[in-house]
Amino acid sequence: MPPRAHWGIENRLHWMLDVQFGEDACAVRRDHAPQNLSLLKKMVLNLIRTDTSDTAKASLRRKRKRAAWDDDIRMAMLGIKPL
């Protein structure tokens, strides 16, 4: 492994969680809640990164906002077909 390869992890995951999800500012501190919330944030980040339903080249922030605002977009990201 090259000497600075570990920075790829920092830049790809931890920095993204800090900036996009505000993980460092999170006030959840009791019991297993911090681990559970961190796991959910990582799952959402992976879902947004692997989303192919939207053909527009949008930032992660924009994709996250669009999924929060629109049920159809969120269902498409999760692979859920409407009835």
C-alpha atoms as a PDB file:
ATOM      1  CA  MET A   1       0.000   0.000   0.000  1.00  0.00           C
ATOM      2  CA  PRO A   2       1.433   3.397  -0.936  1.00  0.00           C
ATOM      3  CA  PRO A   3       2.299   5.619   2.024  1.00  0.00           C
ATOM      4  CA  ARG A   4      -0.659   7.963   1.565  1.00  0.00           C
ATOM      5  CA  ALA A   5      -3.265   5.458   0.395  1.00  0.00           C
ATOM      6  CA  HIS A   6      -4.996   5.606   3.767  1.00  0.00           C
ATOM      7  CA  TRP A   7      -6.077   9.173   2.937  1.00  0.00           C
ATOM      8  CA  GLY A   8      -8.391   7.718   0.286  1.00  0.00           C
ATOM      9  CA  ILE A   9     -10.516   6.250   3.041  1.00  0.00           C
ATOM     10  CA  GLU A  10     -10.552   9.553   4.903  1.00  0.00           C
ATOM     11  CA  ASN A  11     -11.526  11.502   1.801  1.00  0.00           C
ATOM     12  CA  ARG A  12     -14.043   9.011   0.453  1.00  0.00           C
ATOM     13  CA  LEU A  13     -15.943   8.081   3.605  1.00  0.00           C
ATOM     14  CA  HIS A  14     -15.195  10.011   6.773  1.00  0.00           C
ATOM     15  CA  TRP A  15     -14.974  13.436   5.185  1.00  0.00           C
ATOM     16  CA  MET A  16     -18.203  12.811   3.275  1.00  0.00           C
ATOM     17  CA  LEU A  17     -20.005  11.741   6.449  1.00  0.00           C
ATOM     18  CA  ASP A  18     -18.757  14.847   8.241  1.00  0.00           C
ATOM     19  CA  VAL A  19     -19.692  17.285   5.492  1.00  0.00           C
ATOM     20  CA  GLN A  20     -22.873  15.760   4.059  1.00  0.00           C
ATOM     21  CA  PHE A  21     -24.364  14.289   7.219  1.00  0.00           C
ATOM     22  CA  GLY A  22     -22.796  16.432   9.953  1.00  0.00           C
ATOM     23  CA  GLU A  23     -21.589  13.389  11.845  1.00  0.00           C
ATOM     24  CA  ASP A  24     -19.121  15.291  14.048  1.00  0.00           C
ATOM     25  CA  ALA A  25     -21.835  17.705  15.186  1.00  0.00           C
ATOM     26  CA  CYS A  26     -24.278  14.927  16.045  1.00  0.00           C
ATOM     27  CA  ALA A  27     -25.386  15.081  19.681  1.00  0.00           C
ATOM     28  CA  VAL A  28     -26.467  11.429  19.926  1.00  0.00           C
ATOM     29  CA  ARG A  29     -24.385   9.934  22.729  1.00  0.00           C
ATOM     30  CA  ARG A  30     -26.441   7.357  24.674  1.00  0.00           C
ATOM     31  CA  ASP A  31     -26.330   3.555  24.565  1.00  0.00           C
ATOM     32  CA  HIS A  32     -26.080   2.097  21.047  1.00  0.00           C
ATOM     33  CA  ALA A  33     -27.648   5.091  19.289  1.00  0.00           C
ATOM     34  CA  PRO A  34     -24.358   6.540  17.909  1.00  0.00           C
ATOM     35  CA  GLN A  35     -23.389   3.236  16.276  1.00  0.00           C
ATOM     36  CA  ASN A  36     -26.886   2.691  14.897  1.00  0.00           C
ATOM     37  CA  LEU A  37     -27.115   6.201  13.476  1.00  0.00           C
ATOM     38  CA  SER A  38     -23.639   5.939  11.960  1.00  0.00           C
ATOM     39  CA  LEU A  39     -24.587   2.657  10.288  1.00  0.00           C
ATOM     40  CA  LEU A  40     -27.751   4.206   8.836  1.00  0.00           C
ATOM     41  CA  LYS A  41     -25.777   7.178   7.496  1.00  0.00           C
ATOM     42  CA  LYS A  42     -23.291   4.853   5.804  1.00  0.00           C
ATOM     43  CA  MET A  43     -26.126   2.837   4.273  1.00  0.00           C
ATOM     44  CA  VAL A  44     -27.759   5.990   2.906  1.00  0.00           C
ATOM     45  CA  LEU A  45     -24.439   7.217   1.520  1.00  0.00           C
ATOM     46  CA  ASN A  46     -23.918   3.899  -0.281  1.00  0.00           C
ATOM     47  CA  LEU A  47     -27.471   3.964  -1.659  1.00  0.00           C
ATOM     48  CA  ILE A  48     -27.009   7.476  -3.006  1.00  0.00           C
ATOM     49  CA  ARG A  49     -23.616   6.647  -4.527  1.00  0.00           C
ATOM     50  CA  THR A  50     -24.903   3.543  -6.313  1.00  0.00           C
ATOM     51  CA  ASP A  51     -28.115   5.176  -7.540  1.00  0.00           C
ATOM     52  CA  THR A  52     -28.539   4.748 -11.290  1.00  0.00           C
ATOM     53  CA  SER A  53     -32.197   5.793 -11.491  1.00  0.00           C
ATOM     54  CA  ASP A  54     -31.248   9.432 -12.062  1.00  0.00           C
ATOM     55  CA  THR A  55     -29.308  10.000 -15.269  1.00  0.00           C
ATOM     56  CA  ALA A  56     -28.385  13.598 -14.414  1.00  0.00           C
ATOM     57  CA  LYS A  57     -24.930  14.124 -12.950  1.00  0.00           C
ATOM     58  CA  ALA A  58     -25.996  15.506  -9.615  1.00  0.00           C
ATOM     59  CA  SER A  59     -23.993  15.973  -6.450  1.00  0.00           C
ATOM     60  CA  LEU A  60     -24.574  13.733  -3.462  1.00  0.00           C
ATOM     61  CA  ARG A  61     -26.151  16.654  -1.645  1.00  0.00           C
ATOM     62  CA  ARG A  62     -28.627  17.272  -4.456  1.00  0.00           C
ATOM     63  CA  LYS A  63     -29.482  13.571  -4.764  1.00  0.00           C
ATOM     64  CA  ARG A  64     -30.068  13.392  -1.022  1.00  0.00           C
ATOM     65  CA  LYS A  65     -32.326  16.443  -1.055  1.00  0.00           C
ATOM     66  CA  ARG A  66     -34.303  15.204  -4.048  1.00  0.00           C
ATOM     67  CA  ALA A  67     -34.837  11.842  -2.352  1.00  0.00           C
ATOM     68  CA  ALA A  68     -36.016  13.593   0.805  1.00  0.00           C
ATOM     69  CA  TRP A  69     -38.460  15.814  -1.092  1.00  0.00           C
ATOM     70  CA  ASP A  70     -39.910  13.336  -3.578  1.00  0.00           C
ATOM     71  CA  ASP A  71     -41.348   9.933  -2.646  1.00  0.00           C
ATOM     72  CA  ASP A  72     -41.045   8.622  -6.216  1.00  0.00           C
ATOM     73  CA  ILE A  73     -37.322   9.410  -6.399  1.00  0.00           C
ATOM     74  CA  ARG A  74     -36.741   7.837  -2.986  1.00  0.00           C
ATOM     75  CA  MET A  75     -38.642   4.698  -4.040  1.00  0.00           C
ATOM     76  CA  ALA A  76     -36.611   4.491  -7.255  1.00  0.00           C
ATOM     77  CA  MET A  77     -33.360   4.740  -5.267  1.00  0.00           C
ATOM     78  CA  LEU A  78     -34.518   1.929  -2.994  1.00  0.00           C
ATOM     79  CA  GLY A  79     -35.700  -0.175  -5.925  1.00  0.00           C
ATOM     80  CA  ILE A  80     -39.334  -0.173  -4.800  1.00  0.00           C
ATOM     81  CA  LYS A  81     -41.966  -0.392  -7.522  1.00  0.00           C
ATOM     82  CA  PRO A  82     -45.213   1.536  -6.902  1.00  0.00           C
ATOM     83  CA  LEU A  83     -48.431  -0.464  -6.850  1.00  0.00           C
END
